[in-house]
């Protein structure tokens, strides 16, 4: 990051000398605020006429203008900051954009993403090893001039997803620049977003709408292979989740948040066959706790293995007798998908399948699917060549959804 701050210092010194501005302090700013500040300074630099500068100032300006933007001057090693800006193709001349000249409107956007390349959905205060989905989306909103800053757009999302978790029906709401009644927000954003993040639909909503608090239902899917699992036992255990129950022992308790109740309403909890030996746990409810679905699956896997009885679900929901969550690991994150969400009165507008936007979205998704399908075929060939059988290597231990057994010696039931 030293090289990054040296570049910022050069910009600061140049601006201070030319417009007598006060020295700027960058180290205490968040990454998103740094992005905004850099773009503001680039716009001001682009408007300066070189003939009015001293020779040293002109040299500094020339060295800065050799890059498409200051962000592209970052070395690859400065990944913590450059990853946020990597996909933004900033023009060489950053013209000042007057947001006050435009009306603003509140919209909802339905979007999908594959979570394997991201550190979850929500932007974090601390540095994360991977970017978050929101970092990419906010960067796209800034680049397309739909928002002037993250703080001013009243951003809300339907539900948080953790690292590795995907979503096909996630929703966000925010205030954006109004680009007209027929404005194509879907197409505008998809052109600058990564291929594994796709905006699917848009809707104009009233000022009281919140993607978080206006949501009436969330539908999760968890995919798994039935190898060495008793599906009938798992279905019986899953049926106990139905209704309003206390899920304190099926989540990660965050003591920093004041949660008034751990009771949640589950409307559907079914295990259905998907295809090619894959099964899916369909779970629908009004709202969910942190890691709740993965905890529920972890227990279902133990029931399917026969190391816990289906009634373990009832015992864990009896929080008077089991007041502290037993120590058991969550199920694997990758197979979990926020499949869909429900809202009353929202009129979603999807792009015409034959329009430029519709073809672009489908083409990008098809490319990703095609690559994954080829890789799947190669793995199937390797599996056949190596003569791997589904029922081989049955070990004692705990299954967590990854396709392997975690060895455990002398397993003890979670609730005696």
Foldseek 3Di string as FASTA:
>chain_A
DVVLVVLVQLLQVLCCVPVVDDRDDDPPDFLQVVVLVQLVSQQVLLPDDLVVDDPVSSVSSVVQLVDQGSLVVDDVVVCQRNVLVVLQRRGSHRHDDDLVVFDKFKKKWWKWFQQAQAQWADDDRDGDPGHHVVSQQQSLQCSLQFDSGPVPWPKAKADTAGHQEIARTIMMMTMTTDPDPPDDPQLSSVVRGDLRMHTFWMFTDDPVDGSHPQWQKWKKKFKFACQLFDVVQLQLLQVVLAAWFQQPLQADDDPVDDDPGRIWHWHDWGWACDDPRMIMTITMTRDHHHLNVQSSVQVSQCRRNVVDGSCVSVVSRPCVVVVDHFDDDGADRNRMYRYHIDGPPTDIDGDDCPDPSNVVSVVSVVVVVVVVVVVVVVVVVVCVVVVPDSNPPDADAGHRRPSDGDDDPPDDDRPD
